[in-house]
Amino acid sequence: MTRVRIQALLCSLSMLAGAALAAPAAEDSATPEDAVTKVWAAAKFLQTKGVSGISAFNSKDGPWVWKDSYVFVFDCRLDRMVAHPLRPDLVGRPIMQVTDNNGRYIFAELCKAATQPRGGWVEYAWPKPGAGGASRKVSYAVTADMAFSAGIQVGAGIYDEKLTPVALNKLVETLADPDKYPAH
């Protein structure tokens, strides 16, 4: 092999290795579609299982935790966190006074978004799993119709610096009907 061909081969291998190293980082991040799909599936799961299904959302090793995201369940009417797989200290606690570093009332906005016909997105600062400080998070929330438990909301978010809630709400309109998503 000539020196030029060896250098070209090494350059190609280097580029392939770089792409392979870069790819897992993207695969480790939840997408907006992931969040919407998981939230719709979680709402359907709760509609099917009722209150007895809530405990499934408290497991950090369960199906409601994936990549760098997770589903959390909250009750706007009763002002409390119902289930959170990564922050069990929040479960049972009031949520309406919770603010991010910018003074934004996170759950007041999530409750408002969740009551929209197809749910909605809210941006705020929140600690990313495995990271030290707060990151920009955009969460999608809907209301789950559960017998004997009006006001239960389900949410999940993505950590993204660019996507806006307006653009993400348009994305929700283009996705499939949430009734088609099976419960776990």
C-alpha atoms as a PDB file:
ATOM      1  CA  MET A   1       0.000   0.000   0.000  1.00  0.00           C
ATOM      2  CA  THR A   2       1.247   3.446  -0.783  1.00  0.00           C
ATOM      3  CA  ARG A   3       1.730   6.065   1.858  1.00  0.00           C
ATOM      4  CA  VAL A   4      -1.076   8.206   0.330  1.00  0.00           C
ATOM      5  CA  ARG A   5      -3.551   5.293   0.421  1.00  0.00           C
ATOM      6  CA  ILE A   6      -2.601   4.499   4.019  1.00  0.00           C
ATOM      7  CA  GLN A   7      -3.112   8.128   5.028  1.00  0.00           C
ATOM      8  CA  ALA A   8      -6.465   8.197   3.211  1.00  0.00           C
ATOM      9  CA  LEU A   9      -7.515   4.965   4.939  1.00  0.00           C
ATOM     10  CA  LEU A  10      -6.448   6.310   8.338  1.00  0.00           C
ATOM     11  CA  CYS A  11      -8.325   9.540   7.657  1.00  0.00           C
ATOM     12  CA  SER A  12     -11.465   7.555   6.718  1.00  0.00           C
ATOM     13  CA  LEU A  13     -11.149   5.368   9.817  1.00  0.00           C
ATOM     14  CA  SER A  14     -10.663   8.443  11.954  1.00  0.00           C
ATOM     15  CA  MET A  15     -13.801  10.037  10.523  1.00  0.00           C
ATOM     16  CA  LEU A  16     -15.769   6.812  11.038  1.00  0.00           C
ATOM     17  CA  ALA A  17     -14.529   6.526  14.609  1.00  0.00           C
ATOM     18  CA  GLY A  18     -15.456  10.151  15.262  1.00  0.00           C
ATOM     19  CA  ALA A  19     -18.933   9.582  13.852  1.00  0.00           C
ATOM     20  CA  ALA A  20     -19.327   6.422  15.905  1.00  0.00           C
ATOM     21  CA  LEU A  21     -18.284   8.256  19.046  1.00  0.00           C
ATOM     22  CA  ALA A  22     -20.628  11.154  18.308  1.00  0.00           C
ATOM     23  CA  ALA A  23     -23.627   8.950  17.484  1.00  0.00           C
ATOM     24  CA  PRO A  24     -24.187   7.457  20.966  1.00  0.00           C
ATOM     25  CA  ALA A  25     -24.431  10.922  22.513  1.00  0.00           C
ATOM     26  CA  ALA A  26     -27.376  11.723  20.238  1.00  0.00           C
ATOM     27  CA  GLU A  27     -28.906   8.318  20.908  1.00  0.00           C
ATOM     28  CA  ASP A  28     -28.659   8.959  24.651  1.00  0.00           C
ATOM     29  CA  SER A  29     -30.857  12.060  24.417  1.00  0.00           C
ATOM     30  CA  ALA A  30     -34.626  11.859  24.397  1.00  0.00           C
ATOM     31  CA  THR A  31     -36.373  13.395  21.410  1.00  0.00           C
ATOM     32  CA  PRO A  32     -39.603  15.396  21.442  1.00  0.00           C
ATOM     33  CA  GLU A  33     -41.299  12.447  19.748  1.00  0.00           C
ATOM     34  CA  ASP A  34     -40.049  10.148  22.542  1.00  0.00           C
ATOM     35  CA  ALA A  35     -41.497  12.456  25.181  1.00  0.00           C
ATOM     36  CA  VAL A  36     -44.896  12.772  23.497  1.00  0.00           C
ATOM     37  CA  THR A  37     -45.129   9.038  22.862  1.00  0.00           C
ATOM     38  CA  LYS A  38     -44.179   8.170  26.450  1.00  0.00           C
ATOM     39  CA  VAL A  39     -46.598  10.725  27.911  1.00  0.00           C
ATOM     40  CA  TRP A  40     -49.489   9.483  25.771  1.00  0.00           C
ATOM     41  CA  ALA A  41     -48.659   5.877  26.665  1.00  0.00           C
ATOM     42  CA  ALA A  42     -48.440   6.808  30.358  1.00  0.00           C
ATOM     43  CA  ALA A  43     -51.826   8.564  30.247  1.00  0.00           C
ATOM     44  CA  LYS A  44     -53.352   5.522  28.551  1.00  0.00           C
ATOM     45  CA  PHE A  45     -51.685   3.243  31.131  1.00  0.00           C
ATOM     46  CA  LEU A  46     -53.228   5.258  33.987  1.00  0.00           C
ATOM     47  CA  GLN A  47     -56.626   5.286  32.275  1.00  0.00           C
ATOM     48  CA  THR A  48     -56.426   1.492  32.105  1.00  0.00           C
ATOM     49  CA  LYS A  49     -54.850   0.750  35.504  1.00  0.00           C
ATOM     50  CA  GLY A  50     -56.286   3.611  37.517  1.00  0.00           C
ATOM     51  CA  VAL A  51     -54.743   4.655  40.811  1.00  0.00           C
ATOM     52  CA  SER A  52     -53.118   1.232  41.206  1.00  0.00           C
ATOM     53  CA  GLY A  53     -50.848   2.046  38.236  1.00  0.00           C
ATOM     54  CA  ILE A  54     -49.259   5.123  39.822  1.00  0.00           C
ATOM     55  CA  SER A  55     -46.568   3.192  41.689  1.00  0.00           C
ATOM     56  CA  ALA A  56     -45.065   2.073  38.342  1.00  0.00           C
ATOM     57  CA  PHE A  57     -43.883   5.648  37.782  1.00  0.00           C
ATOM     58  CA  ASN A  58     -41.737   5.702  40.913  1.00  0.00           C
ATOM     59  CA  SER A  59     -39.233   3.103  39.675  1.00  0.00           C
ATOM     60  CA  LYS A  60     -36.012   4.504  38.240  1.00  0.00           C
ATOM     61  CA  ASP A  61     -35.452   1.148  36.521  1.00  0.00           C
ATOM     62  CA  GLY A  62     -38.946   0.902  35.032  1.00  0.00           C
ATOM     63  CA  PRO A  63     -40.289   1.485  31.531  1.00  0.00           C
ATOM     64  CA  TRP A  64     -41.057   5.132  32.243  1.00  0.00           C
ATOM     65  CA  VAL A  65     -37.364   6.070  32.469  1.00  0.00           C
ATOM     66  CA  TRP A  66     -35.379   6.093  29.241  1.00  0.00           C
ATOM     67  CA  LYS A  67     -32.290   7.790  27.803  1.00  0.00           C
ATOM     68  CA  ASP A  68     -31.989  11.106  29.701  1.00  0.00           C
ATOM     69  CA  SER A  69     -35.707  11.463  30.418  1.00  0.00           C
ATOM     70  CA  TYR A  70     -38.539  10.060  32.508  1.00  0.00           C
ATOM     71  CA  VAL A  71     -42.292  10.355  33.044  1.00  0.00           C
ATOM     72  CA  PHE A  72     -43.526  12.119  36.170  1.00  0.00           C
ATOM     73  CA  VAL A  73     -47.101  12.255  37.477  1.00  0.00           C
ATOM     74  CA  PHE A  74     -48.619  15.214  39.306  1.00  0.00           C
ATOM     75  CA  ASP A  75     -52.014  16.358  40.551  1.00  0.00           C
ATOM     76  CA  CYS A  76     -52.847  19.984  39.788  1.00  0.00           C
ATOM     77  CA  ARG A  77     -56.125  19.937  41.680  1.00  0.00           C
ATOM     78  CA  LEU A  78     -54.561  18.641  44.908  1.00  0.00           C
ATOM     79  CA  ASP A  79     -51.249  20.525  44.401  1.00  0.00           C
ATOM     80  CA  ARG A  80     -48.920  17.571  44.807  1.00  0.00           C
ATOM     81  CA  MET A  81     -46.363  15.382  43.073  1.00  0.00           C
ATOM     82  CA  VAL A  82     -47.887  11.935  42.674  1.00  0.00           C
ATOM     83  CA  ALA A  83     -44.905  10.004  41.246  1.00  0.00           C
ATOM     84  CA  HIS A  84     -41.335  10.814  40.250  1.00  0.00           C
ATOM     85  CA  PRO A  85     -38.807   8.085  39.421  1.00  0.00           C
ATOM     86  CA  LEU A  86     -35.665  10.133  40.083  1.00  0.00           C
ATOM     87  CA  ARG A  87     -36.818  12.435  42.873  1.00  0.00           C
ATOM     88  CA  PRO A  88     -38.765  10.365  45.424  1.00  0.00           C
ATOM     89  CA  ASP A  89     -38.326  13.256  47.866  1.00  0.00           C
ATOM     90  CA  LEU A  90     -40.866  15.246  45.798  1.00  0.00           C
ATOM     91  CA  VAL A  91     -43.636  12.617  45.965  1.00  0.00           C
ATOM     92  CA  GLY A  92     -46.550  13.783  48.101  1.00  0.00           C
ATOM     93  CA  ARG A  93     -45.196  17.337  48.303  1.00  0.00           C
ATOM     94  CA  PRO A  94     -46.905  20.538  47.126  1.00  0.00           C
ATOM     95  CA  ILE A  95     -45.855  21.569  43.612  1.00  0.00           C
ATOM     96  CA  MET A  96     -47.535  24.869  42.758  1.00  0.00           C
ATOM     97  CA  GLN A  97     -44.917  26.974  44.546  1.00  0.00           C
ATOM     98  CA  VAL A  98     -41.969  25.204  42.834  1.00  0.00           C
ATOM     99  CA  THR A  99     -39.969  27.681  40.753  1.00  0.00           C
ATOM    100  CA  ASP A 100     -36.919  27.329  38.559  1.00  0.00           C
ATOM    101  CA  ASN A 101     -33.801  29.525  38.751  1.00  0.00           C
ATOM    102  CA  ASN A 102     -35.602  32.192  36.719  1.00  0.00           C
ATOM    103  CA  GLY A 103     -38.565  32.424  39.106  1.00  0.00           C
ATOM    104  CA  ARG A 104     -40.896  30.586  36.693  1.00  0.00           C
ATOM    105  CA  TYR A 105     -43.662  28.637  38.457  1.00  0.00           C
ATOM    106  CA  ILE A 106     -43.015  25.326  36.724  1.00  0.00           C
ATOM    107  CA  PHE A 107     -46.065  23.323  37.743  1.00  0.00           C
ATOM    108  CA  ALA A 108     -48.522  26.192  37.411  1.00  0.00           C
ATOM    109  CA  GLU A 109     -47.444  26.377  33.757  1.00  0.00           C
ATOM    110  CA  LEU A 110     -47.433  22.578  33.334  1.00  0.00           C
ATOM    111  CA  CYS A 111     -50.960  22.389  34.757  1.00  0.00           C
ATOM    112  CA  LYS A 112     -52.143  25.040  32.302  1.00  0.00           C
ATOM    113  CA  ALA A 113     -50.456  23.229  29.381  1.00  0.00           C
ATOM    114  CA  ALA A 114     -51.830  19.825  30.411  1.00  0.00           C
ATOM    115  CA  THR A 115     -55.415  21.043  30.225  1.00  0.00           C
ATOM    116  CA  GLN A 116     -55.121  21.953  26.530  1.00  0.00           C
ATOM    117  CA  PRO A 117     -56.951  19.514  24.216  1.00  0.00           C
ATOM    118  CA  ARG A 118     -53.697  17.808  23.114  1.00  0.00           C
ATOM    119  CA  GLY A 119     -51.579  18.872  26.067  1.00  0.00           C
ATOM    120  CA  GLY A 120     -48.736  21.346  25.777  1.00  0.00           C
ATOM    121  CA  TRP A 121     -45.055  22.142  26.255  1.00  0.00           C
ATOM    122  CA  VAL A 122     -43.433  24.315  28.923  1.00  0.00           C
ATOM    123  CA  GLU A 123     -39.790  25.395  29.170  1.00  0.00           C
ATOM    124  CA  TYR A 124     -37.898  25.866  32.425  1.00  0.00           C
ATOM    125  CA  ALA A 125     -34.575  25.145  34.126  1.00  0.00           C
ATOM    126  CA  TRP A 126     -34.233  21.726  35.810  1.00  0.00           C
ATOM    127  CA  PRO A 127     -31.325  19.422  36.734  1.00  0.00           C
ATOM    128  CA  LYS A 128     -30.517  16.973  33.938  1.00  0.00           C
ATOM    129  CA  PRO A 129     -30.000  13.384  35.168  1.00  0.00           C
ATOM    130  CA  GLY A 130     -26.290  12.861  35.675  1.00  0.00           C
ATOM    131  CA  ALA A 131     -25.431  16.554  35.270  1.00  0.00           C
ATOM    132  CA  GLY A 132     -24.484  18.958  38.027  1.00  0.00           C
ATOM    133  CA  GLY A 133     -26.514  22.110  37.533  1.00  0.00           C
ATOM    134  CA  ALA A 134     -29.803  23.134  36.001  1.00  0.00           C
ATOM    135  CA  SER A 135     -30.273  22.776  32.250  1.00  0.00           C
ATOM    136  CA  ARG A 136     -32.940  24.108  29.914  1.00  0.00           C
ATOM    137  CA  LYS A 137     -35.748  21.553  29.889  1.00  0.00           C
ATOM    138  CA  VAL A 138     -38.893  21.558  27.790  1.00  0.00           C
ATOM    139  CA  SER A 139     -41.617  19.259  29.129  1.00  0.00           C
ATOM    140  CA  TYR A 140     -44.793  17.991  27.538  1.00  0.00           C
ATOM    141  CA  ALA A 141     -47.820  17.387  29.779  1.00  0.00           C
ATOM    142  CA  VAL A 142     -51.342  16.015  29.353  1.00  0.00           C
ATOM    143  CA  THR A 143     -54.206  15.194  31.679  1.00  0.00           C
ATOM    144  CA  ALA A 144     -54.906  11.496  32.250  1.00  0.00           C
ATOM    145  CA  ASP A 145     -58.565  10.565  32.503  1.00  0.00           C
ATOM    146  CA  MET A 146     -58.729   8.293  35.530  1.00  0.00           C
ATOM    147  CA  ALA A 147     -61.847   7.082  37.271  1.00  0.00           C
ATOM    148  CA  PHE A 148     -62.266   8.626  40.735  1.00  0.00           C
ATOM    149  CA  SER A 149     -59.157  10.786  40.288  1.00  0.00           C
ATOM    150  CA  ALA A 150     -59.788  13.929  38.267  1.00  0.00           C
ATOM    151  CA  GLY A 151     -56.832  16.227  37.815  1.00  0.00           C
ATOM    152  CA  ILE A 152     -53.963  13.771  37.354  1.00  0.00           C
ATOM    153  CA  GLN A 153     -51.379  15.040  34.877  1.00  0.00           C
ATOM    154  CA  VAL A 154     -48.526  13.197  33.194  1.00  0.00           C
ATOM    155  CA  GLY A 155     -45.363  14.842  31.891  1.00  0.00           C
ATOM    156  CA  ALA A 156     -41.945  14.123  30.421  1.00  0.00           C
ATOM    157  CA  GLY A 157     -39.285  16.421  29.089  1.00  0.00           C
ATOM    158  CA  ILE A 158     -36.271  16.845  26.893  1.00  0.00           C
ATOM    159  CA  TYR A 159     -33.129  18.840  27.527  1.00  0.00           C
ATOM    160  CA  ASP A 160     -32.686  21.141  24.549  1.00  0.00           C
ATOM    161  CA  GLU A 161     -31.310  24.642  24.105  1.00  0.00           C
ATOM    162  CA  LYS A 162     -33.104  25.547  20.869  1.00  0.00           C
ATOM    163  CA  LEU A 163     -36.581  24.062  20.520  1.00  0.00           C
ATOM    164  CA  THR A 164     -39.429  26.340  21.561  1.00  0.00           C
ATOM    165  CA  PRO A 165     -42.750  25.334  23.099  1.00  0.00           C
ATOM    166  CA  VAL A 166     -44.547  26.878  20.083  1.00  0.00           C
ATOM    167  CA  ALA A 167     -42.599  24.705  17.609  1.00  0.00           C
ATOM    168  CA  LEU A 168     -43.064  21.648  19.816  1.00  0.00           C
ATOM    169  CA  ASN A 169     -46.825  22.232  20.082  1.00  0.00           C
ATOM    170  CA  LYS A 170     -46.953  22.222  16.266  1.00  0.00           C
ATOM    171  CA  LEU A 171     -45.102  18.902  16.327  1.00  0.00           C
ATOM    172  CA  VAL A 172     -47.772  17.424  18.625  1.00  0.00           C
ATOM    173  CA  GLU A 173     -50.432  18.349  16.071  1.00  0.00           C
ATOM    174  CA  THR A 174     -48.599  16.326  13.399  1.00  0.00           C
ATOM    175  CA  LEU A 175     -48.145  13.165  15.485  1.00  0.00           C
ATOM    176  CA  ALA A 176     -50.552  10.257  15.564  1.00  0.00           C
ATOM    177  CA  ASP A 177     -53.690  10.217  17.663  1.00  0.00           C
ATOM    178  CA  PRO A 178     -52.809   9.483  21.316  1.00  0.00           C
ATOM    179  CA  ASP A 179     -55.580   6.856  21.436  1.00  0.00           C
ATOM    180  CA  LYS A 180     -53.421   4.655  19.186  1.00  0.00           C
ATOM    181  CA  TYR A 181     -50.605   4.411  21.744  1.00  0.00           C
ATOM    182  CA  PRO A 182     -50.877   1.264  23.844  1.00  0.00           C
ATOM    183  CA  ALA A 183     -50.365   1.240  27.597  1.00  0.00           C
ATOM    184  CA  HIS A 184     -47.314  -0.644  28.888  1.00  0.00           C
END
